[in-house]
Amino acid sequence: MTALPYDMSHIQTLLAGPESARALLRYVVRGLNRDVGSKLTSASIFDLENMRSRRIHSDNSEAYPVGNYKQIDRNLFFTTVLENAQPFVTSRIEQIAEVFFDWRKIQALGFESNMNLPAVVDGKVIGTINMLAPAGHFTGEKIAAALAWQPIVTLCFLLTARDETLTASVPEADAVMERA
């Protein structure tokens, strides 16, 4: 039996405590940063009716503030993550540029590869953990490490959906739609 990368006893303690959604999200981000080596991690929820996502967590609030909407385009990311509920992984900035309009910002921050790890319930994606790193970072081993966290990521987003302080609109941020 393979050891889990997370501590279920600690997760149980987090779930029983106050602000369990925020506490579990912090735990997930720390674990992914440690095990996968993400250099900038954010978390997003989706409003597919309006083809946009919104960040509910960011390691770098100056570059990627919480609350801002980001337009979703029908492209390889959409097909891979939102339709097929699979992780979307790139190794080079050229691959990022094919799907994300903010690729120049990503590159300017020193990143050239990414992974979007979906939280999936009943076959639907309810959120993603989004990780950025230098070119070529997300190897098969790193992807496997991220996938080991996927059940806890999904639990985290289920809790997040119940936490209005995480999902509520932020009027000043909601006015900002990131688009090139």
N, C-alpha and C. Protein backbone atom coordinates (compact mmCIF):
# COMPACT_ATOMS: atom_id res chain seq x y z
N MET A 1 0.85 -1.18 0.00
CA MET A 1 0.00 0.00 0.00
C MET A 1 0.89 1.25 0.00
N THR A 2 0.62 2.15 -0.90
CA THR A 2 1.38 3.38 -1.03
C THR A 2 0.94 4.38 0.03
N ALA A 3 1.91 5.03 0.63
CA ALA A 3 1.61 6.04 1.66
C ALA A 3 0.98 7.26 0.99
N LEU A 4 -0.01 7.81 1.63
CA LEU A 4 -0.66 9.02 1.13
C LEU A 4 0.24 10.22 1.42
N PRO A 5 0.21 11.24 0.55
CA PRO A 5 1.05 12.41 0.79
C PRO A 5 0.48 13.35 1.84
N TYR A 6 -0.72 13.08 2.29
CA TYR A 6 -1.39 13.95 3.26
C TYR A 6 -1.74 13.15 4.50
N ASP A 7 -1.97 13.86 5.57
CA ASP A 7 -2.23 13.27 6.88
C ASP A 7 -3.75 13.34 7.15
N MET A 8 -4.41 12.19 7.04
CA MET A 8 -5.87 12.17 7.22
C MET A 8 -6.28 12.58 8.63
N SER A 9 -5.48 12.29 9.61
CA SER A 9 -5.79 12.71 10.98
C SER A 9 -5.78 14.24 11.06
N HIS A 10 -4.79 14.84 10.44
CA HIS A 10 -4.72 16.31 10.43
C HIS A 10 -5.89 16.90 9.65
N ILE A 11 -6.23 16.28 8.54
CA ILE A 11 -7.37 16.76 7.74
C ILE A 11 -8.64 16.69 8.57
N GLN A 12 -8.84 15.61 9.30
CA GLN A 12 -10.02 15.48 10.16
C GLN A 12 -10.06 16.61 11.19
N THR A 13 -8.91 16.95 11.75
CA THR A 13 -8.83 18.05 12.72
C THR A 13 -9.20 19.36 12.05
N LEU A 14 -8.69 19.59 10.84
CA LEU A 14 -9.02 20.82 10.11
C LEU A 14 -10.52 20.90 9.82
N LEU A 15 -11.10 19.78 9.42
CA LEU A 15 -12.53 19.75 9.08
C LEU A 15 -13.40 20.04 10.30
N ALA A 16 -12.95 19.65 11.47
CA ALA A 16 -13.73 19.86 12.70
C ALA A 16 -13.55 21.26 13.27
N GLY A 17 -12.55 21.97 12.79
CA GLY A 17 -12.24 23.28 13.34
C GLY A 17 -12.96 24.41 12.64
N PRO A 18 -12.72 25.64 13.10
CA PRO A 18 -13.34 26.81 12.49
C PRO A 18 -12.74 27.08 11.11
N GLU A 19 -13.52 27.69 10.25
CA GLU A 19 -13.07 28.05 8.90
C GLU A 19 -12.40 26.86 8.21
N SER A 20 -13.07 25.72 8.24
CA SER A 20 -12.48 24.49 7.73
C SER A 20 -12.13 24.58 6.24
N ALA A 21 -12.93 25.27 5.45
CA ALA A 21 -12.63 25.38 4.02
C ALA A 21 -11.32 26.12 3.80
N ARG A 22 -11.13 27.24 4.49
CA ARG A 22 -9.88 28.00 4.35
C ARG A 22 -8.69 27.21 4.88
N ALA A 23 -8.88 26.56 6.01
CA ALA A 23 -7.79 25.78 6.61
C ALA A 23 -7.37 24.64 5.69
N LEU A 24 -8.35 23.95 5.12
CA LEU A 24 -8.03 22.84 4.22
C LEU A 24 -7.39 23.36 2.94
N LEU A 25 -7.85 24.48 2.42
CA LEU A 25 -7.25 25.06 1.22
C LEU A 25 -5.78 25.41 1.47
N ARG A 26 -5.49 26.02 2.61
CA ARG A 26 -4.08 26.32 2.95
C ARG A 26 -3.25 25.04 3.03
N TYR A 27 -3.81 24.01 3.65
CA TYR A 27 -3.12 22.73 3.78
C TYR A 27 -2.84 22.12 2.40
N VAL A 28 -3.83 22.12 1.53
CA VAL A 28 -3.67 21.59 0.17
C VAL A 28 -2.58 22.35 -0.59
N VAL A 29 -2.63 23.66 -0.54
CA VAL A 29 -1.65 24.48 -1.26
C VAL A 29 -0.23 24.20 -0.74
N ARG A 30 -0.07 24.16 0.58
CA ARG A 30 1.26 23.85 1.15
C ARG A 30 1.73 22.48 0.69
N GLY A 31 0.84 21.51 0.71
CA GLY A 31 1.21 20.15 0.30
C GLY A 31 1.58 20.07 -1.17
N LEU A 32 0.81 20.72 -2.03
CA LEU A 32 1.13 20.71 -3.46
C LEU A 32 2.42 21.47 -3.74
N ASN A 33 2.60 22.59 -3.06
CA ASN A 33 3.85 23.34 -3.25
C ASN A 33 5.05 22.48 -2.85
N ARG A 34 4.90 21.72 -1.78
CA ARG A 34 5.98 20.85 -1.29
C ARG A 34 6.18 19.65 -2.23
N ASP A 35 5.11 18.94 -2.56
CA ASP A 35 5.23 17.68 -3.29
C ASP A 35 5.38 17.84 -4.80
N VAL A 36 4.80 18.88 -5.34
CA VAL A 36 4.83 19.09 -6.79
C VAL A 36 5.85 20.17 -7.15
N GLY A 37 6.09 21.07 -6.22
CA GLY A 37 7.07 22.12 -6.47
C GLY A 37 6.52 23.33 -7.19
N SER A 38 5.23 23.57 -7.05
CA SER A 38 4.65 24.77 -7.65
C SER A 38 5.30 26.01 -7.06
N LYS A 39 5.57 26.97 -7.91
CA LYS A 39 6.20 28.22 -7.47
C LYS A 39 5.17 29.34 -7.30
N LEU A 40 4.01 29.21 -7.92
CA LEU A 40 2.89 30.12 -7.72
C LEU A 40 1.63 29.28 -7.87
N THR A 41 0.82 29.27 -6.84
CA THR A 41 -0.38 28.44 -6.83
C THR A 41 -1.60 29.32 -6.59
N SER A 42 -2.64 29.06 -7.38
CA SER A 42 -3.91 29.74 -7.17
C SER A 42 -5.02 28.69 -7.23
N ALA A 43 -6.20 29.08 -6.84
CA ALA A 43 -7.37 28.20 -6.90
C ALA A 43 -8.50 28.98 -7.54
N SER A 44 -9.24 28.31 -8.42
CA SER A 44 -10.32 28.97 -9.16
C SER A 44 -11.61 28.17 -9.10
N ILE A 45 -12.72 28.91 -9.10
CA ILE A 45 -14.04 28.32 -9.28
C ILE A 45 -14.56 28.83 -10.62
N PHE A 46 -15.58 28.16 -11.16
CA PHE A 46 -16.03 28.45 -12.52
C PHE A 46 -17.47 28.89 -12.60
N ASP A 47 -17.72 29.81 -13.50
CA ASP A 47 -19.05 30.28 -13.87
C ASP A 47 -19.15 30.01 -15.37
N LEU A 48 -19.47 28.77 -15.72
CA LEU A 48 -19.45 28.38 -17.14
C LEU A 48 -20.57 29.05 -17.94
N GLU A 49 -21.66 29.39 -17.27
CA GLU A 49 -22.75 30.09 -17.96
C GLU A 49 -22.25 31.39 -18.58
N ASN A 50 -21.34 32.07 -17.88
CA ASN A 50 -20.77 33.32 -18.37
C ASN A 50 -19.34 33.16 -18.88
N MET A 51 -18.88 31.90 -18.99
CA MET A 51 -17.54 31.57 -19.51
C MET A 51 -16.44 32.37 -18.82
N ARG A 52 -16.42 32.23 -17.49
CA ARG A 52 -15.38 32.91 -16.72
C ARG A 52 -15.07 32.09 -15.47
N SER A 53 -13.89 32.35 -14.94
CA SER A 53 -13.48 31.74 -13.68
C SER A 53 -13.13 32.87 -12.71
N ARG A 54 -13.07 32.52 -11.44
CA ARG A 54 -12.71 33.52 -10.43
C ARG A 54 -11.77 32.87 -9.43
N ARG A 55 -10.70 33.59 -9.13
CA ARG A 55 -9.74 33.10 -8.14
C ARG A 55 -10.30 33.25 -6.73
N ILE A 56 -10.11 32.18 -5.95
CA ILE A 56 -10.49 32.22 -4.54
C ILE A 56 -9.26 32.13 -3.65
N HIS A 57 -8.11 31.87 -4.27
CA HIS A 57 -6.83 31.83 -3.55
C HIS A 57 -5.71 32.19 -4.52
N SER A 58 -4.70 32.87 -4.01
CA SER A 58 -3.51 33.17 -4.79
C SER A 58 -2.30 33.32 -3.87
N ASP A 59 -1.19 32.70 -4.27
CA ASP A 59 0.08 32.88 -3.55
C ASP A 59 0.69 34.25 -3.82
N ASN A 60 0.25 34.87 -4.91
CA ASN A 60 0.81 36.17 -5.30
C ASN A 60 -0.36 37.09 -5.63
N SER A 61 -0.87 37.76 -4.60
CA SER A 61 -2.07 38.58 -4.79
C SER A 61 -1.79 39.85 -5.58
N GLU A 62 -0.53 40.23 -5.71
CA GLU A 62 -0.21 41.39 -6.55
C GLU A 62 -0.38 41.03 -8.03
N ALA A 63 0.15 39.90 -8.43
CA ALA A 63 0.06 39.48 -9.83
C ALA A 63 -1.31 38.89 -10.15
N TYR A 64 -1.84 38.08 -9.21
CA TYR A 64 -3.12 37.40 -9.42
C TYR A 64 -4.01 37.56 -8.20
N PRO A 65 -4.70 38.71 -8.11
CA PRO A 65 -5.54 38.94 -6.93
C PRO A 65 -6.75 38.01 -6.86
N VAL A 66 -7.15 37.72 -5.64
CA VAL A 66 -8.36 36.95 -5.40
C VAL A 66 -9.55 37.78 -5.84
N GLY A 67 -10.52 37.13 -6.45
CA GLY A 67 -11.77 37.80 -6.81
C GLY A 67 -11.88 38.18 -8.26
N ASN A 68 -10.77 38.44 -8.92
CA ASN A 68 -10.86 38.85 -10.32
C ASN A 68 -11.39 37.71 -11.18
N TYR A 69 -12.21 38.07 -12.14
CA TYR A 69 -12.68 37.10 -13.11
C TYR A 69 -11.67 36.98 -14.24
N LYS A 70 -11.58 35.80 -14.78
CA LYS A 70 -10.73 35.55 -15.93
C LYS A 70 -11.60 34.90 -16.98
N GLN A 71 -11.57 35.43 -18.18
CA GLN A 71 -12.37 34.87 -19.28
C GLN A 71 -11.89 33.47 -19.61
N ILE A 72 -12.83 32.58 -19.89
CA ILE A 72 -12.53 31.22 -20.32
C ILE A 72 -12.84 31.13 -21.81
N ASP A 73 -11.89 30.65 -22.56
CA ASP A 73 -12.09 30.44 -23.99
C ASP A 73 -12.28 28.95 -24.25
N ARG A 74 -12.99 28.64 -25.33
CA ARG A 74 -13.12 27.23 -25.74
C ARG A 74 -11.85 26.86 -26.50
N ASN A 75 -10.97 26.17 -25.78
CA ASN A 75 -9.70 25.78 -26.36
C ASN A 75 -9.27 24.46 -25.73
N LEU A 76 -8.00 24.12 -25.86
CA LEU A 76 -7.51 22.85 -25.33
C LEU A 76 -7.68 22.76 -23.81
N PHE A 77 -7.47 23.87 -23.10
CA PHE A 77 -7.70 23.88 -21.64
C PHE A 77 -9.16 23.53 -21.35
N PHE A 78 -10.08 24.20 -22.02
CA PHE A 78 -11.51 23.98 -21.80
C PHE A 78 -11.86 22.50 -22.04
N THR A 79 -11.40 21.97 -23.16
CA THR A 79 -11.70 20.57 -23.50
C THR A 79 -11.09 19.61 -22.48
N THR A 80 -9.83 19.83 -22.15
CA THR A 80 -9.12 18.92 -21.26
C THR A 80 -9.68 18.97 -19.84
N VAL A 81 -9.79 20.17 -19.29
CA VAL A 81 -10.16 20.31 -17.88
C VAL A 81 -11.67 20.33 -17.69
N LEU A 82 -12.36 21.22 -18.36
CA LEU A 82 -13.78 21.44 -18.05
C LEU A 82 -14.71 20.43 -18.71
N GLU A 83 -14.33 19.93 -19.87
CA GLU A 83 -15.18 18.91 -20.51
C GLU A 83 -14.77 17.49 -20.12
N ASN A 84 -13.46 17.23 -20.05
CA ASN A 84 -12.99 15.86 -19.80
C ASN A 84 -12.49 15.62 -18.38
N ALA A 85 -12.51 16.65 -17.54
CA ALA A 85 -12.14 16.54 -16.12
C ALA A 85 -10.76 15.94 -15.91
N GLN A 86 -9.82 16.33 -16.76
CA GLN A 86 -8.44 15.86 -16.67
C GLN A 86 -7.51 17.03 -16.38
N PRO A 87 -6.36 16.78 -15.77
CA PRO A 87 -5.40 17.87 -15.56
C PRO A 87 -4.90 18.41 -16.90
N PHE A 88 -4.65 19.69 -16.93
CA PHE A 88 -4.05 20.33 -18.10
C PHE A 88 -2.63 20.69 -17.72
N VAL A 89 -1.66 20.19 -18.50
CA VAL A 89 -0.26 20.37 -18.17
C VAL A 89 0.50 20.86 -19.40
N THR A 90 1.35 21.87 -19.20
CA THR A 90 2.24 22.34 -20.27
C THR A 90 3.68 22.31 -19.76
N SER A 91 4.60 22.28 -20.71
CA SER A 91 6.02 22.25 -20.39
C SER A 91 6.75 23.50 -20.85
N ARG A 92 6.15 24.20 -21.82
CA ARG A 92 6.81 25.36 -22.43
C ARG A 92 5.85 26.53 -22.54
N ILE A 93 6.39 27.72 -22.56
CA ILE A 93 5.57 28.93 -22.64
C ILE A 93 4.76 28.96 -23.92
N GLU A 94 5.26 28.36 -24.99
CA GLU A 94 4.52 28.34 -26.26
C GLU A 94 3.20 27.59 -26.10
N GLN A 95 3.20 26.54 -25.30
CA GLN A 95 1.97 25.79 -25.04
C GLN A 95 1.00 26.61 -24.19
N ILE A 96 1.52 27.34 -23.24
CA ILE A 96 0.68 28.22 -22.42
C ILE A 96 0.08 29.30 -23.30
N ALA A 97 0.88 29.86 -24.21
CA ALA A 97 0.42 30.95 -25.08
C ALA A 97 -0.72 30.51 -25.98
N GLU A 98 -0.80 29.22 -26.28
CA GLU A 98 -1.88 28.71 -27.13
C GLU A 98 -3.24 28.76 -26.45
N VAL A 99 -3.25 28.77 -25.10
CA VAL A 99 -4.54 28.68 -24.41
C VAL A 99 -4.84 29.80 -23.42
N PHE A 100 -3.81 30.48 -22.92
CA PHE A 100 -4.05 31.51 -21.91
C PHE A 100 -3.62 32.87 -22.43
N PHE A 101 -4.55 33.82 -22.44
CA PHE A 101 -4.25 35.17 -22.95
C PHE A 101 -3.21 35.89 -22.12
N ASP A 102 -3.06 35.52 -20.86
CA ASP A 102 -2.11 36.20 -19.97
C ASP A 102 -0.73 35.53 -19.93
N TRP A 103 -0.38 34.85 -21.00
CA TRP A 103 0.88 34.11 -21.04
C TRP A 103 2.09 35.02 -20.88
N ARG A 104 2.02 36.25 -21.36
CA ARG A 104 3.15 37.17 -21.20
C ARG A 104 3.38 37.51 -19.72
N LYS A 105 2.29 37.67 -18.98
CA LYS A 105 2.40 37.91 -17.54
C LYS A 105 3.03 36.70 -16.86
N ILE A 106 2.59 35.52 -17.24
CA ILE A 106 3.13 34.28 -16.68
C ILE A 106 4.64 34.21 -16.95
N GLN A 107 5.02 34.50 -18.18
CA GLN A 107 6.44 34.47 -18.54
C GLN A 107 7.23 35.55 -17.79
N ALA A 108 6.66 36.73 -17.66
CA ALA A 108 7.34 37.83 -16.96
C ALA A 108 7.56 37.49 -15.48
N LEU A 109 6.72 36.66 -14.92
CA LEU A 109 6.88 36.22 -13.53
C LEU A 109 7.94 35.12 -13.40
N GLY A 110 8.45 34.66 -14.54
CA GLY A 110 9.51 33.64 -14.53
C GLY A 110 9.01 32.22 -14.70
N PHE A 111 7.79 32.05 -15.17
CA PHE A 111 7.21 30.72 -15.31
C PHE A 111 6.98 30.40 -16.78
N GLU A 112 7.16 29.12 -17.12
CA GLU A 112 6.95 28.71 -18.50
C GLU A 112 6.24 27.36 -18.59
N SER A 113 5.77 26.83 -17.45
CA SER A 113 4.98 25.61 -17.48
C SER A 113 3.87 25.73 -16.44
N ASN A 114 2.82 24.96 -16.63
CA ASN A 114 1.71 25.02 -15.70
C ASN A 114 1.01 23.68 -15.57
N MET A 115 0.23 23.57 -14.49
CA MET A 115 -0.67 22.44 -14.32
C MET A 115 -1.94 22.96 -13.67
N ASN A 116 -3.08 22.59 -14.23
CA ASN A 116 -4.39 22.88 -13.66
C ASN A 116 -4.97 21.54 -13.21
N LEU A 117 -5.13 21.37 -11.90
CA LEU A 117 -5.61 20.12 -11.32
C LEU A 117 -7.08 20.30 -10.96
N PRO A 118 -7.98 19.58 -11.66
CA PRO A 118 -9.40 19.77 -11.40
C PRO A 118 -9.91 19.03 -10.17
N ALA A 119 -10.89 19.64 -9.52
CA ALA A 119 -11.69 19.00 -8.48
C ALA A 119 -12.97 18.54 -9.18
N VAL A 120 -13.26 17.25 -9.12
CA VAL A 120 -14.34 16.67 -9.91
C VAL A 120 -15.35 15.98 -9.01
N VAL A 121 -16.63 16.37 -9.16
CA VAL A 121 -17.73 15.75 -8.42
C VAL A 121 -18.83 15.43 -9.41
N ASP A 122 -19.31 14.20 -9.37
CA ASP A 122 -20.37 13.75 -10.28
C ASP A 122 -20.02 14.04 -11.74
N GLY A 123 -18.75 13.89 -12.08
CA GLY A 123 -18.31 14.10 -13.46
C GLY A 123 -18.16 15.55 -13.87
N LYS A 124 -18.37 16.48 -12.96
CA LYS A 124 -18.27 17.91 -13.27
C LYS A 124 -17.12 18.53 -12.48
N VAL A 125 -16.42 19.45 -13.15
CA VAL A 125 -15.33 20.17 -12.51
C VAL A 125 -15.94 21.30 -11.69
N ILE A 126 -15.61 21.34 -10.40
CA ILE A 126 -16.14 22.39 -9.53
C ILE A 126 -15.08 23.42 -9.17
N GLY A 127 -13.84 23.15 -9.55
CA GLY A 127 -12.76 24.09 -9.30
C GLY A 127 -11.45 23.51 -9.78
N THR A 128 -10.41 24.34 -9.75
CA THR A 128 -9.07 23.86 -10.09
C THR A 128 -8.05 24.50 -9.17
N ILE A 129 -7.01 23.74 -8.92
CA ILE A 129 -5.80 24.27 -8.34
C ILE A 129 -4.87 24.51 -9.53
N ASN A 130 -4.33 25.72 -9.62
CA ASN A 130 -3.54 26.15 -10.76
C ASN A 130 -2.10 26.38 -10.30
N MET A 131 -1.17 25.69 -10.93
CA MET A 131 0.22 25.76 -10.51
C MET A 131 1.11 26.23 -11.65
N LEU A 132 2.05 27.10 -11.31
CA LEU A 132 3.02 27.61 -12.27
C LEU A 132 4.43 27.26 -11.80
N ALA A 133 5.33 27.03 -12.77
CA ALA A 133 6.72 26.69 -12.46
C ALA A 133 7.59 26.99 -13.68
N PRO A 134 8.90 26.85 -13.53
CA PRO A 134 9.79 27.04 -14.68
C PRO A 134 9.52 26.01 -15.79
N ALA A 135 10.06 26.26 -16.96
CA ALA A 135 9.89 25.38 -18.12
C ALA A 135 10.25 23.94 -17.77
N GLY A 136 9.44 23.01 -18.26
CA GLY A 136 9.71 21.60 -18.12
C GLY A 136 9.53 21.02 -16.73
N HIS A 137 9.00 21.77 -15.82
CA HIS A 137 8.91 21.35 -14.42
C HIS A 137 7.96 20.17 -14.19
N PHE A 138 6.82 20.17 -14.86
CA PHE A 138 5.78 19.20 -14.54
C PHE A 138 6.01 17.88 -15.29
N THR A 139 6.92 17.08 -14.74
CA THR A 139 7.26 15.76 -15.27
C THR A 139 6.16 14.77 -14.88
N GLY A 140 6.26 13.56 -15.40
CA GLY A 140 5.32 12.51 -15.03
C GLY A 140 5.28 12.29 -13.53
N GLU A 141 6.43 12.36 -12.89
CA GLU A 141 6.50 12.18 -11.43
C GLU A 141 5.76 13.31 -10.71
N LYS A 142 5.91 14.54 -11.18
CA LYS A 142 5.23 15.69 -10.56
C LYS A 142 3.72 15.60 -10.77
N ILE A 143 3.31 15.15 -11.96
CA ILE A 143 1.88 15.00 -12.25
C ILE A 143 1.29 13.93 -11.34
N ALA A 144 2.00 12.81 -11.17
CA ALA A 144 1.53 11.75 -10.27
C ALA A 144 1.41 12.26 -8.84
N ALA A 145 2.37 13.08 -8.41
CA ALA A 145 2.31 13.65 -7.06
C ALA A 145 1.08 14.54 -6.90
N ALA A 146 0.77 15.33 -7.93
CA ALA A 146 -0.42 16.19 -7.88
C ALA A 146 -1.69 15.35 -7.85
N LEU A 147 -1.74 14.32 -8.68
CA LEU A 147 -2.93 13.47 -8.73
C LEU A 147 -3.20 12.77 -7.40
N ALA A 148 -2.15 12.49 -6.65
CA ALA A 148 -2.34 11.88 -5.32
C ALA A 148 -3.11 12.81 -4.39
N TRP A 149 -3.02 14.11 -4.62
CA TRP A 149 -3.74 15.11 -3.82
C TRP A 149 -5.17 15.35 -4.32
N GLN A 150 -5.52 14.85 -5.50
CA GLN A 150 -6.80 15.20 -6.12
C GLN A 150 -8.02 14.91 -5.24
N PRO A 151 -8.10 13.80 -4.52
CA PRO A 151 -9.28 13.61 -3.66
C PRO A 151 -9.43 14.70 -2.59
N ILE A 152 -8.32 15.14 -2.03
CA ILE A 152 -8.38 16.18 -1.00
C ILE A 152 -8.66 17.54 -1.65
N VAL A 153 -8.16 17.75 -2.84
CA VAL A 153 -8.50 18.97 -3.59
C VAL A 153 -10.01 19.03 -3.80
N THR A 154 -10.59 17.91 -4.19
CA THR A 154 -12.04 17.86 -4.41
C THR A 154 -12.79 18.12 -3.12
N LEU A 155 -12.38 17.50 -2.04
CA LEU A 155 -13.00 17.77 -0.74
C LEU A 155 -12.90 19.25 -0.40
N CYS A 156 -11.76 19.82 -0.66
CA CYS A 156 -11.54 21.24 -0.39
C CYS A 156 -12.55 22.11 -1.14
N PHE A 157 -12.75 21.83 -2.43
CA PHE A 157 -13.70 22.63 -3.22
C PHE A 157 -15.14 22.37 -2.81
N LEU A 158 -15.46 21.18 -2.36
CA LEU A 158 -16.81 20.93 -1.83
C LEU A 158 -17.06 21.80 -0.60
N LEU A 159 -16.08 21.89 0.28
CA LEU A 159 -16.20 22.76 1.45
C LEU A 159 -16.26 24.23 1.04
N THR A 160 -15.44 24.58 0.07
CA THR A 160 -15.38 25.96 -0.40
C THR A 160 -16.75 26.42 -0.91
N ALA A 161 -17.45 25.54 -1.59
CA ALA A 161 -18.78 25.88 -2.12
C ALA A 161 -19.75 26.25 -1.00
N ARG A 162 -19.51 25.76 0.20
CA ARG A 162 -20.36 26.06 1.36
C ARG A 162 -19.94 27.30 2.11
N ASP A 163 -18.75 27.82 1.80
CA ASP A 163 -18.18 28.95 2.54
C ASP A 163 -18.38 30.24 1.76
N GLU A 164 -19.39 30.99 2.16
CA GLU A 164 -19.71 32.22 1.43
C GLU A 164 -18.60 33.25 1.49
N THR A 165 -17.75 33.19 2.51
CA THR A 165 -16.65 34.16 2.58
C THR A 165 -15.61 33.89 1.49
N LEU A 166 -15.56 32.65 0.99
CA LEU A 166 -14.63 32.33 -0.11
C LEU A 166 -15.27 32.53 -1.47
N THR A 167 -16.56 32.26 -1.59
CA THR A 167 -17.20 32.29 -2.91
C THR A 167 -17.99 33.56 -3.19
N ALA A 168 -18.20 34.38 -2.18
CA ALA A 168 -19.00 35.59 -2.37
C ALA A 168 -18.31 36.56 -3.32
N SER A 169 -19.09 37.32 -4.01
CA SER A 169 -18.56 38.33 -4.92
C SER A 169 -17.82 39.41 -4.14
N VAL A 170 -16.78 39.90 -4.75
CA VAL A 170 -16.01 41.03 -4.22
C VAL A 170 -16.24 42.16 -5.21
N PRO A 171 -17.16 43.12 -4.90
CA PRO A 171 -17.58 44.11 -5.89
C PRO A 171 -16.44 44.81 -6.62
N GLU A 172 -15.42 45.27 -5.90
CA GLU A 172 -14.33 45.98 -6.58
C GLU A 172 -13.53 45.05 -7.48
N ALA A 173 -13.41 43.79 -7.09
CA ALA A 173 -12.67 42.83 -7.92
C ALA A 173 -13.55 42.29 -9.03
N ASP A 174 -14.84 42.14 -8.77
CA ASP A 174 -15.73 41.59 -9.78
C ASP A 174 -15.83 42.49 -11.01
N ALA A 175 -15.52 43.74 -10.83
CA ALA A 175 -15.57 44.67 -11.97
C ALA A 175 -14.41 44.44 -12.93
N VAL A 176 -13.40 43.74 -12.47
CA VAL A 176 -12.21 43.50 -13.29
C VAL A 176 -12.35 42.16 -13.99
N MET A 177 -12.32 42.20 -15.32
CA MET A 177 -12.31 40.99 -16.11
C MET A 177 -10.96 40.95 -16.79
N GLU A 178 -10.13 40.02 -16.39
CA GLU A 178 -8.80 39.93 -16.98
C GLU A 178 -8.91 39.44 -18.42
N ARG A 179 -8.35 40.21 -19.29
CA ARG A 179 -8.31 39.85 -20.72
C ARG A 179 -7.28 40.72 -21.40
N ALA A 180 -6.56 40.12 -22.28
CA ALA A 180 -5.51 40.87 -23.02
C ALA A 180 -6.14 41.88 -23.95
